């Protein structure tokens, strides 16, 4: 019974997020701050931010247009970009991409 109790306890610490009719999914958790890890299916998306975000590409590649930027920039596995609080950014994905997002 201890296993079940621990399982239920830890599962309450993970939040499931789904956006754009399921094309973007993530799991949220706390570990020295709030983070999410997720997958983006091919497509074009626009995200809004309420806090500063650091996006790290875990696997794949995405093209990103930050607010007030003139040009799209590609980010591949292991690369990261920063997004200011109360801002937005656009993403173009040609193949599934996994990411880690850290909130500050």
N, C-alpha and C. Protein backbone atom coordinates (compact mmCIF):
# COMPACT_ATOMS: atom_id res chain seq x y z
N UNK A 1 0.81 -1.20 0.00
CA UNK A 1 0.00 0.00 0.00
C UNK A 1 0.86 1.27 0.00
N UNK A 2 2.05 1.17 0.52
CA UNK A 2 2.95 2.31 0.54
C UNK A 2 3.24 2.80 -0.88
N UNK A 3 3.47 1.87 -1.81
CA UNK A 3 3.74 2.23 -3.19
C UNK A 3 2.60 3.05 -3.77
N UNK A 4 1.38 2.59 -3.59
CA UNK A 4 0.21 3.30 -4.12
C UNK A 4 0.11 4.69 -3.52
N UNK A 5 0.34 4.81 -2.22
CA UNK A 5 0.26 6.12 -1.57
C UNK A 5 1.31 7.07 -2.13
N UNK A 6 2.54 6.57 -2.32
CA UNK A 6 3.59 7.42 -2.89
C UNK A 6 3.27 7.79 -4.32
N UNK A 7 2.76 6.83 -5.08
CA UNK A 7 2.40 7.07 -6.48
C UNK A 7 1.35 8.17 -6.57
N UNK A 8 0.34 8.08 -5.77
CA UNK A 8 -0.72 9.08 -5.79
C UNK A 8 -0.18 10.44 -5.34
N UNK A 9 0.70 10.43 -4.32
CA UNK A 9 1.27 11.67 -3.82
C UNK A 9 2.08 12.37 -4.92
N UNK A 10 2.95 11.62 -5.58
CA UNK A 10 3.80 12.23 -6.61
C UNK A 10 2.99 12.60 -7.85
N UNK A 11 1.98 11.84 -8.19
CA UNK A 11 1.22 12.17 -9.39
C UNK A 11 0.46 13.49 -9.24
N UNK A 12 0.15 13.88 -8.01
CA UNK A 12 -0.51 15.16 -7.78
C UNK A 12 0.43 16.33 -7.99
N UNK A 13 1.72 16.07 -8.06
CA UNK A 13 2.71 17.13 -8.24
C UNK A 13 2.95 17.42 -9.72
N UNK A 14 2.43 16.59 -10.61
CA UNK A 14 2.63 16.76 -12.05
C UNK A 14 1.32 17.25 -12.65
N UNK A 15 1.40 18.32 -13.44
CA UNK A 15 0.21 18.82 -14.13
C UNK A 15 0.32 18.50 -15.62
N UNK A 16 -0.80 18.21 -16.22
CA UNK A 16 -0.86 17.89 -17.65
C UNK A 16 -1.45 19.10 -18.37
N UNK A 17 -0.76 19.56 -19.40
CA UNK A 17 -1.20 20.72 -20.18
C UNK A 17 -1.38 20.30 -21.64
N UNK A 18 -2.42 20.83 -22.26
CA UNK A 18 -2.69 20.51 -23.66
C UNK A 18 -3.19 21.77 -24.35
N UNK A 19 -2.60 22.07 -25.51
CA UNK A 19 -2.93 23.28 -26.27
C UNK A 19 -3.14 22.94 -27.74
N UNK A 20 -3.79 23.84 -28.45
CA UNK A 20 -3.98 23.73 -29.90
C UNK A 20 -4.54 22.36 -30.28
N UNK A 21 -5.67 22.02 -29.66
CA UNK A 21 -6.38 20.76 -29.95
C UNK A 21 -5.48 19.53 -29.82
N UNK A 22 -4.58 19.56 -28.83
CA UNK A 22 -3.73 18.41 -28.54
C UNK A 22 -2.43 18.36 -29.32
N UNK A 23 -2.17 19.36 -30.16
CA UNK A 23 -0.94 19.35 -30.96
C UNK A 23 0.29 19.72 -30.12
N UNK A 24 0.06 20.35 -28.98
CA UNK A 24 1.14 20.68 -28.04
C UNK A 24 0.73 20.15 -26.68
N UNK A 25 1.57 19.29 -26.11
CA UNK A 25 1.28 18.71 -24.79
C UNK A 25 2.52 18.81 -23.92
N UNK A 26 2.29 19.04 -22.62
CA UNK A 26 3.42 19.11 -21.71
C UNK A 26 3.02 18.61 -20.33
N UNK A 27 4.04 18.28 -19.56
CA UNK A 27 3.89 17.92 -18.16
C UNK A 27 4.60 18.98 -17.34
N UNK A 28 3.91 19.55 -16.37
CA UNK A 28 4.49 20.57 -15.52
C UNK A 28 4.90 19.99 -14.18
N UNK A 29 5.98 20.53 -13.62
CA UNK A 29 6.47 20.06 -12.33
C UNK A 29 7.28 21.16 -11.65
N UNK A 30 7.55 20.98 -10.35
CA UNK A 30 8.36 21.91 -9.57
C UNK A 30 9.66 21.23 -9.19
N UNK A 31 10.79 21.86 -9.51
CA UNK A 31 12.11 21.39 -9.11
C UNK A 31 13.04 22.59 -9.16
N UNK A 32 13.20 23.25 -8.03
CA UNK A 32 13.93 24.52 -7.99
C UNK A 32 13.30 25.53 -8.93
N UNK A 33 12.00 25.60 -8.93
CA UNK A 33 11.23 26.48 -9.80
C UNK A 33 10.31 25.68 -10.70
N UNK A 34 9.40 26.36 -11.35
CA UNK A 34 8.43 25.69 -12.22
C UNK A 34 9.05 25.39 -13.59
N UNK A 35 8.77 24.18 -14.09
CA UNK A 35 9.25 23.77 -15.42
C UNK A 35 8.17 22.94 -16.09
N UNK A 36 8.25 22.87 -17.41
CA UNK A 36 7.43 21.93 -18.17
C UNK A 36 8.31 21.24 -19.20
N UNK A 37 7.96 20.01 -19.50
CA UNK A 37 8.63 19.27 -20.56
C UNK A 37 7.52 18.81 -21.51
N UNK A 38 7.72 19.00 -22.80
CA UNK A 38 6.62 18.71 -23.71
C UNK A 38 7.05 18.39 -25.12
N UNK A 39 6.02 18.18 -25.96
CA UNK A 39 6.20 17.84 -27.36
C UNK A 39 5.30 18.73 -28.20
N UNK A 40 5.84 19.22 -29.31
CA UNK A 40 5.08 20.04 -30.26
C UNK A 40 5.00 19.28 -31.57
N UNK A 41 3.79 19.06 -32.05
CA UNK A 41 3.58 18.40 -33.34
C UNK A 41 3.80 19.42 -34.46
N UNK A 42 4.05 18.96 -35.68
CA UNK A 42 4.24 19.90 -36.80
C UNK A 42 3.09 20.90 -36.93
N UNK A 43 3.46 22.15 -37.18
CA UNK A 43 2.47 23.20 -37.34
C UNK A 43 3.05 24.56 -36.99
N UNK A 44 2.18 25.58 -37.02
CA UNK A 44 2.54 26.96 -36.67
C UNK A 44 1.73 27.36 -35.44
N UNK A 45 2.40 27.94 -34.44
CA UNK A 45 1.75 28.26 -33.18
C UNK A 45 2.22 29.60 -32.66
N UNK A 46 1.39 30.23 -31.82
CA UNK A 46 1.79 31.44 -31.12
C UNK A 46 1.49 31.25 -29.64
N UNK A 47 2.48 31.53 -28.80
CA UNK A 47 2.36 31.37 -27.36
C UNK A 47 2.50 32.72 -26.68
N UNK A 48 1.78 32.91 -25.60
CA UNK A 48 1.91 34.09 -24.76
C UNK A 48 2.63 33.71 -23.47
N UNK A 49 3.30 34.68 -22.86
CA UNK A 49 4.01 34.42 -21.61
C UNK A 49 3.51 35.36 -20.52
N UNK A 50 3.51 34.86 -19.29
CA UNK A 50 3.20 35.72 -18.15
C UNK A 50 4.44 35.90 -17.28
N UNK A 51 5.40 34.99 -17.41
CA UNK A 51 6.68 35.09 -16.71
C UNK A 51 7.80 34.91 -17.72
N UNK A 52 9.02 35.22 -17.29
CA UNK A 52 10.18 34.99 -18.15
C UNK A 52 10.31 33.49 -18.39
N UNK A 53 10.61 33.07 -19.62
CA UNK A 53 10.75 31.66 -19.96
C UNK A 53 12.08 31.41 -20.67
N UNK A 54 12.69 30.28 -20.31
CA UNK A 54 13.86 29.78 -21.03
C UNK A 54 13.43 28.49 -21.69
N UNK A 55 13.45 28.47 -23.01
CA UNK A 55 13.04 27.29 -23.78
C UNK A 55 14.29 26.57 -24.28
N UNK A 56 14.40 25.29 -23.95
CA UNK A 56 15.53 24.46 -24.38
C UNK A 56 15.00 23.36 -25.29
N UNK A 57 15.54 23.25 -26.48
CA UNK A 57 15.13 22.19 -27.41
C UNK A 57 15.83 20.90 -26.97
N UNK A 58 15.03 19.91 -26.60
CA UNK A 58 15.58 18.62 -26.16
C UNK A 58 15.91 17.75 -27.36
N UNK A 59 14.99 17.72 -28.33
CA UNK A 59 15.22 16.94 -29.54
C UNK A 59 14.43 17.55 -30.69
N UNK A 60 15.07 17.69 -31.83
CA UNK A 60 14.40 18.24 -33.00
C UNK A 60 14.84 19.66 -33.29
N UNK A 61 14.00 20.37 -34.03
CA UNK A 61 14.31 21.74 -34.43
C UNK A 61 13.02 22.54 -34.55
N UNK A 62 13.08 23.80 -34.15
CA UNK A 62 11.94 24.70 -34.31
C UNK A 62 12.42 26.05 -34.78
N UNK A 63 11.60 26.71 -35.57
CA UNK A 63 11.87 28.08 -35.99
C UNK A 63 11.05 28.98 -35.07
N UNK A 64 11.68 30.05 -34.58
CA UNK A 64 11.06 30.91 -33.58
C UNK A 64 11.13 32.37 -34.03
N UNK A 65 10.02 33.07 -33.84
CA UNK A 65 9.97 34.51 -34.06
C UNK A 65 9.57 35.15 -32.73
N UNK A 66 10.54 35.80 -32.09
CA UNK A 66 10.26 36.48 -30.83
C UNK A 66 9.54 37.79 -31.09
N UNK A 67 8.77 38.24 -30.10
CA UNK A 67 8.07 39.52 -30.23
C UNK A 67 9.09 40.61 -30.53
N UNK A 68 8.76 41.51 -31.40
CA UNK A 68 9.61 42.63 -31.80
C UNK A 68 10.85 42.22 -32.60
N UNK A 69 10.96 40.95 -32.96
CA UNK A 69 12.08 40.51 -33.81
C UNK A 69 11.65 40.59 -35.27
N UNK A 70 12.60 40.88 -36.12
CA UNK A 70 12.29 41.00 -37.54
C UNK A 70 12.41 39.66 -38.28
N UNK A 71 13.28 38.79 -37.79
CA UNK A 71 13.57 37.54 -38.50
C UNK A 71 13.33 36.31 -37.63
N UNK A 72 12.96 35.22 -38.31
CA UNK A 72 12.82 33.92 -37.67
C UNK A 72 14.22 33.36 -37.42
N UNK A 73 14.38 32.61 -36.33
CA UNK A 73 15.66 31.97 -36.03
C UNK A 73 15.40 30.51 -35.71
N UNK A 74 16.27 29.61 -36.20
CA UNK A 74 16.13 28.17 -35.93
C UNK A 74 16.90 27.79 -34.68
N UNK A 75 16.28 26.91 -33.89
CA UNK A 75 16.90 26.35 -32.69
C UNK A 75 16.80 24.84 -32.79
N UNK A 76 17.94 24.17 -32.60
CA UNK A 76 18.00 22.71 -32.72
C UNK A 76 18.36 22.09 -31.37
N UNK A 77 18.45 20.78 -31.36
CA UNK A 77 18.74 20.02 -30.15
C UNK A 77 19.86 20.66 -29.33
N UNK A 78 19.57 20.92 -28.05
CA UNK A 78 20.55 21.48 -27.14
C UNK A 78 20.61 22.99 -27.10
N UNK A 79 19.95 23.66 -28.04
CA UNK A 79 19.97 25.12 -28.06
C UNK A 79 18.80 25.68 -27.26
N UNK A 80 18.95 26.94 -26.83
CA UNK A 80 17.89 27.57 -26.03
C UNK A 80 17.67 29.00 -26.46
N UNK A 81 16.50 29.51 -26.08
CA UNK A 81 16.19 30.92 -26.29
C UNK A 81 15.39 31.43 -25.11
N UNK A 82 15.42 32.74 -24.94
CA UNK A 82 14.77 33.40 -23.81
C UNK A 82 13.58 34.21 -24.32
N UNK A 83 12.49 34.18 -23.53
CA UNK A 83 11.30 34.96 -23.86
C UNK A 83 10.95 35.81 -22.65
N UNK A 84 10.76 37.09 -22.86
CA UNK A 84 10.45 38.01 -21.77
C UNK A 84 9.05 37.75 -21.21
N UNK A 85 8.85 38.16 -19.97
CA UNK A 85 7.52 38.07 -19.35
C UNK A 85 6.55 38.99 -20.09
N UNK A 86 5.29 38.61 -20.07
CA UNK A 86 4.22 39.41 -20.70
C UNK A 86 4.52 39.72 -22.16
N UNK A 87 4.94 38.69 -22.87
CA UNK A 87 5.30 38.81 -24.27
C UNK A 87 4.66 37.66 -25.04
N UNK A 88 5.13 37.44 -26.25
CA UNK A 88 4.65 36.31 -27.04
C UNK A 88 5.76 35.88 -28.00
N UNK A 89 5.60 34.69 -28.55
CA UNK A 89 6.53 34.21 -29.56
C UNK A 89 5.81 33.23 -30.46
N UNK A 90 6.26 33.17 -31.72
CA UNK A 90 5.68 32.26 -32.70
C UNK A 90 6.65 31.12 -32.95
N UNK A 91 6.11 29.95 -33.23
CA UNK A 91 6.91 28.75 -33.47
C UNK A 91 6.42 28.06 -34.73
N UNK A 92 7.37 27.63 -35.58
CA UNK A 92 7.08 26.79 -36.74
C UNK A 92 7.83 25.48 -36.55
N UNK A 93 7.10 24.37 -36.67
CA UNK A 93 7.70 23.06 -36.46
C UNK A 93 7.37 22.17 -37.66
N UNK A 94 8.39 21.57 -38.27
CA UNK A 94 8.20 20.71 -39.44
C UNK A 94 8.09 19.23 -39.05
N UNK A 95 8.69 18.85 -37.91
CA UNK A 95 8.64 17.48 -37.39
C UNK A 95 8.51 17.58 -35.88
N UNK A 96 8.00 16.56 -35.21
CA UNK A 96 7.83 16.65 -33.75
C UNK A 96 9.11 17.13 -33.04
N UNK A 97 8.92 18.01 -32.06
CA UNK A 97 10.02 18.59 -31.28
C UNK A 97 9.70 18.43 -29.80
N UNK A 98 10.70 18.03 -29.02
CA UNK A 98 10.53 18.01 -27.57
C UNK A 98 11.32 19.17 -26.97
N UNK A 99 10.80 19.68 -25.84
CA UNK A 99 11.39 20.87 -25.23
C UNK A 99 11.29 20.82 -23.71
N UNK A 100 12.12 21.63 -23.09
CA UNK A 100 12.06 21.89 -21.66
C UNK A 100 11.89 23.39 -21.51
N UNK A 101 10.89 23.80 -20.75
CA UNK A 101 10.67 25.22 -20.51
C UNK A 101 10.82 25.49 -19.02
N UNK A 102 11.69 26.45 -18.68
CA UNK A 102 11.90 26.84 -17.29
C UNK A 102 11.33 28.24 -17.10
N UNK A 103 10.51 28.40 -16.07
CA UNK A 103 9.85 29.67 -15.79
C UNK A 103 10.55 30.39 -14.64
N UNK A 104 10.69 31.72 -14.77
CA UNK A 104 11.32 32.51 -13.72
C UNK A 104 10.43 33.63 -13.28
